Amino acid sequence: MQYGLHSSRESTSAVHPLEHSEKHWNENKCQMDFAMLRKMEGIHMPLRLQMENNISQKMCRLPGMVSSNVMRDTLTGRDEMIDFEDVLNNPFEAEEVGNIHMLMEKRQGLL
């Protein structure tokens, strides 16, 4: 009691068997989808989807403007799902504070 209470996570290394699976659910789903596409369509389809996904992640708006990620959500199928963030996170309340002109100059390497 002199040193305080220790977390149960620190004292035991045992975790629930499904914890790792739930943390990596999206990655596991993508891997299964790519494996199925590879068997059905050939190697070109998973490669094409990965290429499109990489391109959609690199696309961004001007500094200070939050991207809606519509292309990435459409590619991953997330546009058809309603998640926790969709209900309780209002995108109009999320603001990035900063001088847009300075942020753009920094991105261009002028500052």
PDB file of N, CA and C in Angstrom:
ATOM      1  N   MET A   1       0.812  -1.195   0.000  1.00  0.00           N
ATOM      2  CA  MET A   1       0.000   0.000   0.000  1.00  0.00           C
ATOM      3  C   MET A   1       0.858   1.262   0.000  1.00  0.00           C
ATOM      4  N   GLN A   2       2.124   1.162   0.343  1.00  0.00           N
ATOM      5  CA  GLN A   2       2.968   2.347   0.371  1.00  0.00           C
ATOM      6  C   GLN A   2       3.265   2.866  -1.022  1.00  0.00           C
ATOM      7  N   TYR A   3       3.295   1.971  -2.002  1.00  0.00           N
ATOM      8  CA  TYR A   3       3.654   2.356  -3.367  1.00  0.00           C
ATOM      9  C   TYR A   3       2.448   2.482  -4.275  1.00  0.00           C
ATOM     10  N   GLY A   4       1.246   2.353  -3.773  1.00  0.00           N
ATOM     11  CA  GLY A   4       0.048   2.484  -4.573  1.00  0.00           C
ATOM     12  C   GLY A   4      -0.377   1.168  -5.190  1.00  0.00           C
ATOM     13  N   LEU A   5      -1.499   1.204  -5.871  1.00  0.00           N
ATOM     14  CA  LEU A   5      -2.047   0.005  -6.488  1.00  0.00           C
ATOM     15  C   LEU A   5      -1.427  -0.196  -7.864  1.00  0.00           C
ATOM     16  N   HIS A   6      -1.122  -1.418  -8.172  1.00  0.00           N
ATOM     17  CA  HIS A   6      -0.589  -1.743  -9.489  1.00  0.00           C
ATOM     18  C   HIS A   6      -1.727  -2.175 -10.391  1.00  0.00           C
ATOM     19  N   SER A   7      -1.584  -1.879 -11.621  1.00  0.00           N
ATOM     20  CA  SER A   7      -2.594  -2.275 -12.597  1.00  0.00           C
ATOM     21  C   SER A   7      -2.589  -3.783 -12.758  1.00  0.00           C
ATOM     22  N   SER A   8      -3.740  -4.346 -12.975  1.00  0.00           N
ATOM     23  CA  SER A   8      -3.813  -5.794 -13.179  1.00  0.00           C
ATOM     24  C   SER A   8      -3.111  -6.189 -14.472  1.00  0.00           C
ATOM     25  N   ARG A   9      -3.022  -5.270 -15.426  1.00  0.00           N
ATOM     26  CA  ARG A   9      -2.337  -5.534 -16.690  1.00  0.00           C
ATOM     27  C   ARG A   9      -0.836  -5.706 -16.455  1.00  0.00           C
ATOM     28  N   GLU A  10      -0.275  -4.955 -15.517  1.00  0.00           N
ATOM     29  CA  GLU A  10       1.153  -5.057 -15.227  1.00  0.00           C
ATOM     30  C   GLU A  10       1.491  -6.349 -14.497  1.00  0.00           C
ATOM     31  N   SER A  11       0.604  -6.777 -13.600  1.00  0.00           N
ATOM     32  CA  SER A  11       0.929  -7.938 -12.773  1.00  0.00           C
ATOM     33  C   SER A  11       0.735  -9.252 -13.513  1.00  0.00           C
ATOM     34  N   THR A  12      -0.145  -9.294 -14.474  1.00  0.00           N
ATOM     35  CA  THR A  12      -0.371 -10.537 -15.214  1.00  0.00           C
ATOM     36  C   THR A  12      -0.131 -10.291 -16.687  1.00  0.00           C
ATOM     37  N   SER A  13       0.459 -11.258 -17.321  1.00  0.00           N
ATOM     38  CA  SER A  13       0.708 -11.115 -18.760  1.00  0.00           C
ATOM     39  C   SER A  13      -0.393 -11.767 -19.589  1.00  0.00           C
ATOM     40  N   ALA A  14      -1.352 -12.402 -18.929  1.00  0.00           N
ATOM     41  CA  ALA A  14      -2.429 -13.073 -19.645  1.00  0.00           C
ATOM     42  C   ALA A  14      -3.440 -12.044 -20.148  1.00  0.00           C
ATOM     43  N   VAL A  15      -3.796 -12.147 -21.399  1.00  0.00           N
ATOM     44  CA  VAL A  15      -4.818 -11.289 -21.989  1.00  0.00           C
ATOM     45  C   VAL A  15      -5.916 -12.182 -22.549  1.00  0.00           C
ATOM     46  N   HIS A  16      -7.040 -11.585 -22.799  1.00  0.00           N
ATOM     47  CA  HIS A  16      -8.148 -12.349 -23.362  1.00  0.00           C
ATOM     48  C   HIS A  16      -7.785 -12.807 -24.767  1.00  0.00           C
ATOM     49  N   PRO A  17      -8.177 -14.025 -25.150  1.00  0.00           N
ATOM     50  CA  PRO A  17      -7.799 -14.541 -26.470  1.00  0.00           C
ATOM     51  C   PRO A  17      -8.316 -13.709 -27.640  1.00  0.00           C
ATOM     52  N   LEU A  18      -9.426 -13.015 -27.467  1.00  0.00           N
ATOM     53  CA  LEU A  18      -9.996 -12.241 -28.571  1.00  0.00           C
ATOM     54  C   LEU A  18      -9.513 -10.791 -28.614  1.00  0.00           C
ATOM     55  N   GLU A  19      -8.750 -10.371 -27.626  1.00  0.00           N
ATOM     56  CA  GLU A  19      -8.333  -8.979 -27.577  1.00  0.00           C
ATOM     57  C   GLU A  19      -7.482  -8.593 -28.778  1.00  0.00           C
ATOM     58  N   HIS A  20      -6.522  -9.408 -29.130  1.00  0.00           N
ATOM     59  CA  HIS A  20      -5.658  -9.108 -30.279  1.00  0.00           C
ATOM     60  C   HIS A  20      -6.474  -9.110 -31.571  1.00  0.00           C
ATOM     61  N   SER A  21      -7.392 -10.052 -31.688  1.00  0.00           N
ATOM     62  CA  SER A  21      -8.215 -10.149 -32.888  1.00  0.00           C
ATOM     63  C   SER A  21      -9.115  -8.925 -33.057  1.00  0.00           C
ATOM     64  N   GLU A  22      -9.680  -8.441 -31.972  1.00  0.00           N
ATOM     65  CA  GLU A  22     -10.564  -7.279 -32.046  1.00  0.00           C
ATOM     66  C   GLU A  22      -9.794  -5.997 -32.352  1.00  0.00           C
ATOM     67  N   LYS A  23      -8.570  -5.878 -31.842  1.00  0.00           N
ATOM     68  CA  LYS A  23      -7.769  -4.683 -32.115  1.00  0.00           C
ATOM     69  C   LYS A  23      -7.394  -4.598 -33.587  1.00  0.00           C
ATOM     70  N   HIS A  24      -7.187  -5.748 -34.213  1.00  0.00           N
ATOM     71  CA  HIS A  24      -6.722  -5.782 -35.594  1.00  0.00           C
ATOM     72  C   HIS A  24      -7.800  -6.312 -36.535  1.00  0.00           C
ATOM     73  N   TRP A  25      -9.067  -5.996 -36.248  1.00  0.00           N
ATOM     74  CA  TRP A  25     -10.172  -6.538 -37.033  1.00  0.00           C
ATOM     75  C   TRP A  25     -10.133  -6.018 -38.468  1.00  0.00           C
ATOM     76  N   ASN A  26      -9.905  -4.726 -38.654  1.00  0.00           N
ATOM     77  CA  ASN A  26      -9.893  -4.164 -40.007  1.00  0.00           C
ATOM     78  C   ASN A  26      -8.770  -4.740 -40.853  1.00  0.00           C
ATOM     79  N   GLU A  27      -7.583  -4.892 -40.255  1.00  0.00           N
ATOM     80  CA  GLU A  27      -6.457  -5.455 -41.003  1.00  0.00           C
ATOM     81  C   GLU A  27      -6.721  -6.911 -41.382  1.00  0.00           C
ATOM     82  N   ASN A  28      -7.295  -7.675 -40.437  1.00  0.00           N
ATOM     83  CA  ASN A  28      -7.607  -9.076 -40.729  1.00  0.00           C
ATOM     84  C   ASN A  28      -8.647  -9.186 -41.838  1.00  0.00           C
ATOM     85  N   LYS A  29      -9.642  -8.299 -41.813  1.00  0.00           N
ATOM     86  CA  LYS A  29     -10.686  -8.319 -42.840  1.00  0.00           C
ATOM     87  C   LYS A  29     -10.103  -7.995 -44.214  1.00  0.00           C
ATOM     88  N   CYS A  30      -9.209  -7.000 -44.263  1.00  0.00           N
ATOM     89  CA  CYS A  30      -8.570  -6.643 -45.535  1.00  0.00           C
ATOM     90  C   CYS A  30      -7.720  -7.788 -46.056  1.00  0.00           C
ATOM     91  N   GLN A  31      -6.982  -8.445 -45.182  1.00  0.00           N
ATOM     92  CA  GLN A  31      -6.152  -9.567 -45.615  1.00  0.00           C
ATOM     93  C   GLN A  31      -7.011 -10.705 -46.153  1.00  0.00           C
ATOM     94  N   MET A  32      -8.126 -10.982 -45.503  1.00  0.00           N
ATOM     95  CA  MET A  32      -9.021 -12.048 -45.992  1.00  0.00           C
ATOM     96  C   MET A  32      -9.637 -11.666 -47.328  1.00  0.00           C
ATOM     97  N   ASP A  33     -10.035 -10.393 -47.466  1.00  0.00           N
ATOM     98  CA  ASP A  33     -10.609  -9.940 -48.738  1.00  0.00           C
ATOM     99  C   ASP A  33      -9.593 -10.015 -49.867  1.00  0.00           C
ATOM    100  N   PHE A  34      -8.347  -9.602 -49.584  1.00  0.00           N
ATOM    101  CA  PHE A  34      -7.305  -9.666 -50.603  1.00  0.00           C
ATOM    102  C   PHE A  34      -6.979 -11.108 -50.979  1.00  0.00           C
ATOM    103  N   ALA A  35      -6.991 -12.013 -49.997  1.00  0.00           N
ATOM    104  CA  ALA A  35      -6.728 -13.424 -50.300  1.00  0.00           C
ATOM    105  C   ALA A  35      -7.841 -13.999 -51.169  1.00  0.00           C
ATOM    106  N   MET A  36      -9.090 -13.623 -50.882  1.00  0.00           N
ATOM    107  CA  MET A  36     -10.207 -14.106 -51.687  1.00  0.00           C
ATOM    108  C   MET A  36     -10.132 -13.538 -53.113  1.00  0.00           C
ATOM    109  N   LEU A  37      -9.820 -12.245 -53.223  1.00  0.00           N
ATOM    110  CA  LEU A  37      -9.688 -11.642 -54.549  1.00  0.00           C
ATOM    111  C   LEU A  37      -8.540 -12.265 -55.328  1.00  0.00           C
ATOM    112  N   ARG A  38      -7.433 -12.587 -54.655  1.00  0.00           N
ATOM    113  CA  ARG A  38      -6.282 -13.195 -55.320  1.00  0.00           C
ATOM    114  C   ARG A  38      -6.663 -14.551 -55.895  1.00  0.00           C
ATOM    115  N   LYS A  39      -7.489 -15.299 -55.168  1.00  0.00           N
ATOM    116  CA  LYS A  39      -7.902 -16.619 -55.654  1.00  0.00           C
ATOM    117  C   LYS A  39      -8.905 -16.521 -56.790  1.00  0.00           C
ATOM    118  N   MET A  40      -9.797 -15.531 -56.713  1.00  0.00           N
ATOM    119  CA  MET A  40     -10.864 -15.430 -57.701  1.00  0.00           C
ATOM    120  C   MET A  40     -10.450 -14.652 -58.953  1.00  0.00           C
ATOM    121  N   GLU A  41      -9.782 -13.500 -58.758  1.00  0.00           N
ATOM    122  CA  GLU A  41      -9.490 -12.593 -59.867  1.00  0.00           C
ATOM    123  C   GLU A  41      -8.051 -12.686 -60.366  1.00  0.00           C
ATOM    124  N   GLY A  42      -7.162 -13.099 -59.498  1.00  0.00           N
ATOM    125  CA  GLY A  42      -5.749 -13.102 -59.837  1.00  0.00           C
ATOM    126  C   GLY A  42      -5.020 -12.067 -59.007  1.00  0.00           C
ATOM    127  N   ILE A  43      -3.718 -11.984 -59.208  1.00  0.00           N
ATOM    128  CA  ILE A  43      -2.890 -11.113 -58.385  1.00  0.00           C
ATOM    129  C   ILE A  43      -3.113  -9.635 -58.694  1.00  0.00           C
ATOM    130  N   HIS A  44      -3.629  -9.304 -59.882  1.00  0.00           N
ATOM    131  CA  HIS A  44      -3.751  -7.894 -60.265  1.00  0.00           C
ATOM    132  C   HIS A  44      -4.777  -7.144 -59.439  1.00  0.00           C
ATOM    133  N   MET A  45      -5.858  -7.808 -59.022  1.00  0.00           N
ATOM    134  CA  MET A  45      -6.929  -7.093 -58.324  1.00  0.00           C
ATOM    135  C   MET A  45      -6.511  -6.625 -56.925  1.00  0.00           C
ATOM    136  N   PRO A  46      -5.907  -7.468 -56.084  1.00  0.00           N
ATOM    137  CA  PRO A  46      -5.452  -6.944 -54.792  1.00  0.00           C
ATOM    138  C   PRO A  46      -4.380  -5.860 -54.935  1.00  0.00           C
ATOM    139  N   LEU A  47      -3.505  -6.010 -55.925  1.00  0.00           N
ATOM    140  CA  LEU A  47      -2.485  -4.993 -56.142  1.00  0.00           C
ATOM    141  C   LEU A  47      -3.110  -3.669 -56.568  1.00  0.00           C
ATOM    142  N   ARG A  48      -4.121  -3.744 -57.426  1.00  0.00           N
ATOM    143  CA  ARG A  48      -4.785  -2.525 -57.877  1.00  0.00           C
ATOM    144  C   ARG A  48      -5.505  -1.838 -56.719  1.00  0.00           C
ATOM    145  N   LEU A  49      -6.184  -2.613 -55.876  1.00  0.00           N
ATOM    146  CA  LEU A  49      -6.878  -2.019 -54.738  1.00  0.00           C
ATOM    147  C   LEU A  49      -5.907  -1.414 -53.738  1.00  0.00           C
ATOM    148  N   GLN A  50      -4.777  -2.065 -53.516  1.00  0.00           N
ATOM    149  CA  GLN A  50      -3.772  -1.507 -52.619  1.00  0.00           C
ATOM    150  C   GLN A  50      -3.190  -0.214 -53.188  1.00  0.00           C
ATOM    151  N   MET A  51      -2.981  -0.180 -54.497  1.00  0.00           N
ATOM    152  CA  MET A  51      -2.471   1.026 -55.136  1.00  0.00           C
ATOM    153  C   MET A  51      -3.478   2.170 -55.004  1.00  0.00           C
ATOM    154  N   GLU A  52      -4.758   1.893 -55.254  1.00  0.00           N
ATOM    155  CA  GLU A  52      -5.779   2.925 -55.122  1.00  0.00           C
ATOM    156  C   GLU A  52      -5.906   3.395 -53.680  1.00  0.00           C
ATOM    157  N   ASN A  53      -5.776   2.473 -52.729  1.00  0.00           N
ATOM    158  CA  ASN A  53      -5.856   2.840 -51.323  1.00  0.00           C
ATOM    159  C   ASN A  53      -4.673   3.730 -50.927  1.00  0.00           C
ATOM    160  N   ASN A  54      -3.479   3.413 -51.406  1.00  0.00           N
ATOM    161  CA  ASN A  54      -2.307   4.253 -51.114  1.00  0.00           C
ATOM    162  C   ASN A  54      -2.468   5.642 -51.710  1.00  0.00           C
ATOM    163  N   ILE A  55      -3.007   5.721 -52.920  1.00  0.00           N
ATOM    164  CA  ILE A  55      -3.227   7.022 -53.557  1.00  0.00           C
ATOM    165  C   ILE A  55      -4.258   7.825 -52.777  1.00  0.00           C
ATOM    166  N   SER A  56      -5.327   7.173 -52.320  1.00  0.00           N
ATOM    167  CA  SER A  56      -6.366   7.896 -51.584  1.00  0.00           C
ATOM    168  C   SER A  56      -5.864   8.380 -50.230  1.00  0.00           C
ATOM    169  N   GLN A  57      -4.907   7.685 -49.616  1.00  0.00           N
ATOM    170  CA  GLN A  57      -4.363   8.136 -48.339  1.00  0.00           C
ATOM    171  C   GLN A  57      -3.450   9.335 -48.518  1.00  0.00           C
ATOM    172  N   LYS A  58      -2.806   9.461 -49.668  1.00  0.00           N
ATOM    173  CA  LYS A  58      -1.882  10.569 -49.907  1.00  0.00           C
ATOM    174  C   LYS A  58      -2.592  11.835 -50.345  1.00  0.00           C
ATOM    175  N   MET A  59      -3.828  11.723 -50.816  1.00  0.00           N
ATOM    176  CA  MET A  59      -4.562  12.902 -51.250  1.00  0.00           C
ATOM    177  C   MET A  59      -4.983  13.712 -50.028  1.00  0.00           C
ATOM    178  N   CYS A  60      -4.776  15.029 -50.102  1.00  0.00           N
ATOM    179  CA  CYS A  60      -5.170  15.877 -48.990  1.00  0.00           C
ATOM    180  C   CYS A  60      -5.555  17.253 -49.517  1.00  0.00           C
ATOM    181  N   ARG A  61      -6.221  17.979 -48.662  1.00  0.00           N
ATOM    182  CA  ARG A  61      -6.617  19.335 -49.001  1.00  0.00           C
ATOM    183  C   ARG A  61      -5.552  20.312 -48.545  1.00  0.00           C
ATOM    184  N   LEU A  62      -5.870  21.575 -48.664  1.00  0.00           N
ATOM    185  CA  LEU A  62      -4.965  22.606 -48.182  1.00  0.00           C
ATOM    186  C   LEU A  62      -4.810  22.487 -46.675  1.00  0.00           C
ATOM    187  N   PRO A  63      -3.709  22.973 -46.121  1.00  0.00           N
ATOM    188  CA  PRO A  63      -3.536  22.925 -44.669  1.00  0.00           C
ATOM    189  C   PRO A  63      -4.646  23.699 -43.973  1.00  0.00           C
ATOM    190  N   GLY A  64      -5.104  23.180 -42.864  1.00  0.00           N
ATOM    191  CA  GLY A  64      -6.177  23.821 -42.117  1.00  0.00           C
ATOM    192  C   GLY A  64      -7.553  23.330 -42.501  1.00  0.00           C
ATOM    193  N   MET A  65      -7.669  22.598 -43.602  1.00  0.00           N
ATOM    194  CA  MET A  65      -8.956  22.057 -44.018  1.00  0.00           C
ATOM    195  C   MET A  65      -8.925  20.542 -43.831  1.00  0.00           C
ATOM    196  N   VAL A  66      -9.891  20.032 -43.111  1.00  0.00           N
ATOM    197  CA  VAL A  66      -9.939  18.608 -42.817  1.00  0.00           C
ATOM    198  C   VAL A  66     -10.550  17.872 -44.004  1.00  0.00           C
ATOM    199  N   SER A  67      -9.913  16.788 -44.428  1.00  0.00           N
ATOM    200  CA  SER A  67     -10.421  16.001 -45.539  1.00  0.00           C
ATOM    201  C   SER A  67     -11.505  15.048 -45.054  1.00  0.00           C
ATOM    202  N   SER A  68     -12.500  14.805 -45.882  1.00  0.00           N
ATOM    203  CA  SER A  68     -13.584  13.900 -45.514  1.00  0.00           C
ATOM    204  C   SER A  68     -13.254  12.446 -45.820  1.00  0.00           C
ATOM    205  N   ASN A  69     -12.196  12.189 -46.593  1.00  0.00           N
ATOM    206  CA  ASN A  69     -11.749  10.831 -46.929  1.00  0.00           C
ATOM    207  C   ASN A  69     -12.846  10.003 -47.606  1.00  0.00           C
ATOM    208  N   VAL A  70     -13.601  10.631 -48.483  1.00  0.00           N
ATOM    209  CA  VAL A  70     -14.689   9.938 -49.164  1.00  0.00           C
ATOM    210  C   VAL A  70     -14.157   8.820 -50.060  1.00  0.00           C
ATOM    211  N   MET A  71     -13.051   9.072 -50.767  1.00  0.00           N
ATOM    212  CA  MET A  71     -12.505   8.058 -51.669  1.00  0.00           C
ATOM    213  C   MET A  71     -12.032   6.827 -50.893  1.00  0.00           C
ATOM    214  N   ARG A  72     -11.322   7.043 -49.778  1.00  0.00           N
ATOM    215  CA  ARG A  72     -10.832   5.921 -48.979  1.00  0.00           C
ATOM    216  C   ARG A  72     -11.989   5.145 -48.361  1.00  0.00           C
ATOM    217  N   ASP A  73     -13.018   5.853 -47.864  1.00  0.00           N
ATOM    218  CA  ASP A  73     -14.176   5.173 -47.290  1.00  0.00           C
ATOM    219  C   ASP A  73     -14.916   4.357 -48.337  1.00  0.00           C
ATOM    220  N   THR A  74     -14.985   4.852 -49.563  1.00  0.00           N
ATOM    221  CA  THR A  74     -15.654   4.114 -50.637  1.00  0.00           C
ATOM    222  C   THR A  74     -14.864   2.868 -51.017  1.00  0.00           C
ATOM    223  N   LEU A  75     -13.533   2.984 -51.076  1.00  0.00           N
ATOM    224  CA  LEU A  75     -12.712   1.830 -51.434  1.00  0.00           C
ATOM    225  C   LEU A  75     -12.766   0.732 -50.375  1.00  0.00           C
ATOM    226  N   THR A  76     -12.805   1.126 -49.103  1.00  0.00           N
ATOM    227  CA  THR A  76     -12.800   0.132 -48.030  1.00  0.00           C
ATOM    228  C   THR A  76     -14.193  -0.353 -47.666  1.00  0.00           C
ATOM    229  N   GLY A  77     -15.227   0.285 -48.190  1.00  0.00           N
ATOM    230  CA  GLY A  77     -16.594  -0.126 -47.864  1.00  0.00           C
ATOM    231  C   GLY A  77     -17.106   0.490 -46.586  1.00  0.00           C
ATOM    232  N   ARG A  78     -16.351   1.422 -46.030  1.00  0.00           N
ATOM    233  CA  ARG A  78     -16.756   2.046 -44.775  1.00  0.00           C
ATOM    234  C   ARG A  78     -17.883   3.056 -44.978  1.00  0.00           C
ATOM    235  N   ASP A  79     -18.154   3.446 -46.225  1.00  0.00           N
ATOM    236  CA  ASP A  79     -19.230   4.405 -46.483  1.00  0.00           C
ATOM    237  C   ASP A  79     -20.602   3.797 -46.241  1.00  0.00           C
ATOM    238  N   GLU A  80     -20.688   2.487 -46.166  1.00  0.00           N
ATOM    239  CA  GLU A  80     -21.966   1.809 -45.938  1.00  0.00           C
ATOM    240  C   GLU A  80     -22.186   1.445 -44.476  1.00  0.00           C
ATOM    241  N   MET A  81     -21.219   1.768 -43.612  1.00  0.00           N
ATOM    242  CA  MET A  81     -21.314   1.417 -42.197  1.00  0.00           C
ATOM    243  C   MET A  81     -21.501   2.678 -41.360  1.00  0.00           C
ATOM    244  N   ILE A  82     -22.171   2.537 -40.233  1.00  0.00           N
ATOM    245  CA  ILE A  82     -22.302   3.621 -39.271  1.00  0.00           C
ATOM    246  C   ILE A  82     -21.550   3.190 -38.030  1.00  0.00           C
ATOM    247  N   ASP A  83     -20.509   3.938 -37.702  1.00  0.00           N
ATOM    248  CA  ASP A  83     -19.656   3.617 -36.571  1.00  0.00           C
ATOM    249  C   ASP A  83     -19.861   4.616 -35.440  1.00  0.00           C
ATOM    250  N   PHE A  84     -19.118   4.387 -34.367  1.00  0.00           N
ATOM    251  CA  PHE A  84     -19.162   5.253 -33.195  1.00  0.00           C
ATOM    252  C   PHE A  84     -18.780   6.680 -33.562  1.00  0.00           C
ATOM    253  N   GLU A  85     -17.747   6.840 -34.393  1.00  0.00           N
ATOM    254  CA  GLU A  85     -17.288   8.167 -34.767  1.00  0.00           C
ATOM    255  C   GLU A  85     -18.310   8.908 -35.613  1.00  0.00           C
ATOM    256  N   ASP A  86     -19.097   8.183 -36.389  1.00  0.00           N
ATOM    257  CA  ASP A  86     -20.097   8.822 -37.235  1.00  0.00           C
ATOM    258  C   ASP A  86     -21.235   9.423 -36.413  1.00  0.00           C
ATOM    259  N   VAL A  87     -21.553   8.796 -35.304  1.00  0.00           N
ATOM    260  CA  VAL A  87     -22.677   9.252 -34.490  1.00  0.00           C
ATOM    261  C   VAL A  87     -22.254  10.349 -33.522  1.00  0.00           C
ATOM    262  N   LEU A  88     -21.139  10.175 -32.830  1.00  0.00           N
ATOM    263  CA  LEU A  88     -20.775  11.088 -31.753  1.00  0.00           C
ATOM    264  C   LEU A  88     -19.707  12.110 -32.125  1.00  0.00           C
ATOM    265  N   ASN A  89     -19.208  12.076 -33.323  1.00  0.00           N
ATOM    266  CA  ASN A  89     -18.176  13.022 -33.715  1.00  0.00           C
ATOM    267  C   ASN A  89     -18.729  13.926 -34.807  1.00  0.00           C
ATOM    268  N   ASN A  90     -18.985  15.164 -34.477  1.00  0.00           N
ATOM    269  CA  ASN A  90     -19.498  16.121 -35.436  1.00  0.00           C
ATOM    270  C   ASN A  90     -18.324  16.718 -36.198  1.00  0.00           C
ATOM    271  N   PRO A  91     -18.239  16.491 -37.523  1.00  0.00           N
ATOM    272  CA  PRO A  91     -17.072  16.990 -38.262  1.00  0.00           C
ATOM    273  C   PRO A  91     -16.977  18.508 -38.305  1.00  0.00           C
ATOM    274  N   PHE A  92     -18.074  19.239 -38.091  1.00  0.00           N
ATOM    275  CA  PHE A  92     -18.025  20.696 -38.130  1.00  0.00           C
ATOM    276  C   PHE A  92     -17.431  21.270 -36.850  1.00  0.00           C
ATOM    277  N   GLU A  93     -17.389  20.477 -35.769  1.00  0.00           N
ATOM    278  CA  GLU A  93     -16.787  20.949 -34.526  1.00  0.00           C
ATOM    279  C   GLU A  93     -15.278  20.752 -34.510  1.00  0.00           C
ATOM    280  N   ALA A  94     -14.768  19.906 -35.375  1.00  0.00           N
ATOM    281  CA  ALA A  94     -13.331  19.658 -35.418  1.00  0.00           C
ATOM    282  C   ALA A  94     -12.663  20.795 -36.170  1.00  0.00           C
ATOM    283  N   GLU A  95     -11.779  21.489 -35.498  1.00  0.00           N
ATOM    284  CA  GLU A  95     -11.087  22.612 -36.113  1.00  0.00           C
ATOM    285  C   GLU A  95      -9.588  22.429 -35.964  1.00  0.00           C
ATOM    286  N   GLU A  96      -8.886  22.865 -36.969  1.00  0.00           N
ATOM    287  CA  GLU A  96      -7.439  22.916 -36.884  1.00  0.00           C
ATOM    288  C   GLU A  96      -7.055  24.383 -36.832  1.00  0.00           C
ATOM    289  N   VAL A  97      -6.523  24.778 -35.706  1.00  0.00           N
ATOM    290  CA  VAL A  97      -6.189  26.173 -35.502  1.00  0.00           C
ATOM    291  C   VAL A  97      -4.834  26.456 -36.132  1.00  0.00           C
ATOM    292  N   GLY A  98      -4.756  27.534 -36.833  1.00  0.00           N
ATOM    293  CA  GLY A  98      -3.487  27.921 -37.427  1.00  0.00           C
ATOM    294  C   GLY A  98      -3.694  28.891 -38.564  1.00  0.00           C
ATOM    295  N   ASN A  99      -2.643  29.567 -38.916  1.00  0.00           N
ATOM    296  CA  ASN A  99      -2.670  30.493 -40.034  1.00  0.00           C
ATOM    297  C   ASN A  99      -2.481  29.672 -41.314  1.00  0.00           C
ATOM    298  N   ILE A 100      -3.467  29.661 -42.158  1.00  0.00           N
ATOM    299  CA  ILE A 100      -3.454  28.815 -43.352  1.00  0.00           C
ATOM    300  C   ILE A 100      -2.322  29.224 -44.288  1.00  0.00           C
ATOM    301  N   HIS A 101      -2.038  30.506 -44.392  1.00  0.00           N
ATOM    302  CA  HIS A 101      -0.964  30.960 -45.274  1.00  0.00           C
ATOM    303  C   HIS A 101       0.398  30.461 -44.792  1.00  0.00           C
ATOM    304  N   MET A 102       0.616  30.503 -43.484  1.00  0.00           N
ATOM    305  CA  MET A 102       1.887  30.013 -42.945  1.00  0.00           C
ATOM    306  C   MET A 102       2.005  28.503 -43.098  1.00  0.00           C
ATOM    307  N   LEU A 103       0.900  27.791 -42.895  1.00  0.00           N
ATOM    308  CA  LEU A 103       0.932  26.339 -43.054  1.00  0.00           C
ATOM    309  C   LEU A 103       1.243  25.955 -44.499  1.00  0.00           C
ATOM    310  N   MET A 104       0.680  26.681 -45.451  1.00  0.00           N
ATOM    311  CA  MET A 104       0.941  26.391 -46.857  1.00  0.00           C
ATOM    312  C   MET A 104       2.395  26.701 -47.223  1.00  0.00           C
ATOM    313  N   GLU A 105       2.919  27.796 -46.702  1.00  0.00           N
ATOM    314  CA  GLU A 105       4.316  28.137 -46.958  1.00  0.00           C
ATOM    315  C   GLU A 105       5.252  27.100 -46.351  1.00  0.00           C
ATOM    316  N   LYS A 106       4.901  26.583 -45.191  1.00  0.00           N
ATOM    317  CA  LYS A 106       5.715  25.541 -44.569  1.00  0.00           C
ATOM    318  C   LYS A 106       5.684  24.276 -45.391  1.00  0.00           C
ATOM    319  N   ARG A 107       4.511  23.928 -45.936  1.00  0.00           N
ATOM    320  CA  ARG A 107       4.400  22.729 -46.774  1.00  0.00           C
ATOM    321  C   ARG A 107       5.211  22.870 -48.054  1.00  0.00           C
ATOM    322  N   GLN A 108       5.253  24.089 -48.599  1.00  0.00           N
ATOM    323  CA  GLN A 108       6.008  24.325 -49.831  1.00  0.00           C
ATOM    324  C   GLN A 108       7.502  24.474 -49.587  1.00  0.00           C
ATOM    325  N   GLY A 109       7.908  24.576 -48.311  1.00  0.00           N
ATOM    326  CA  GLY A 109       9.317  24.692 -47.995  1.00  0.00           C
ATOM    327  C   GLY A 109       9.838  26.118 -48.040  1.00  0.00           C
ATOM    328  N   LEU A 110       8.958  27.091 -47.984  1.00  0.00           N
ATOM    329  CA  LEU A 110       9.369  28.480 -48.027  1.00  0.00           C
ATOM    330  C   LEU A 110       9.786  29.002 -46.661  1.00  0.00           C
ATOM    331  N   LEU A 111       9.295  28.369 -45.606  1.00  0.00           N
ATOM    332  CA  LEU A 111       9.664  28.795 -44.251  1.00  0.00           C
ATOM    333  C   LEU A 111      10.697  27.878 -43.671  1.00  0.00           C
TER     334      LEU A 111
END
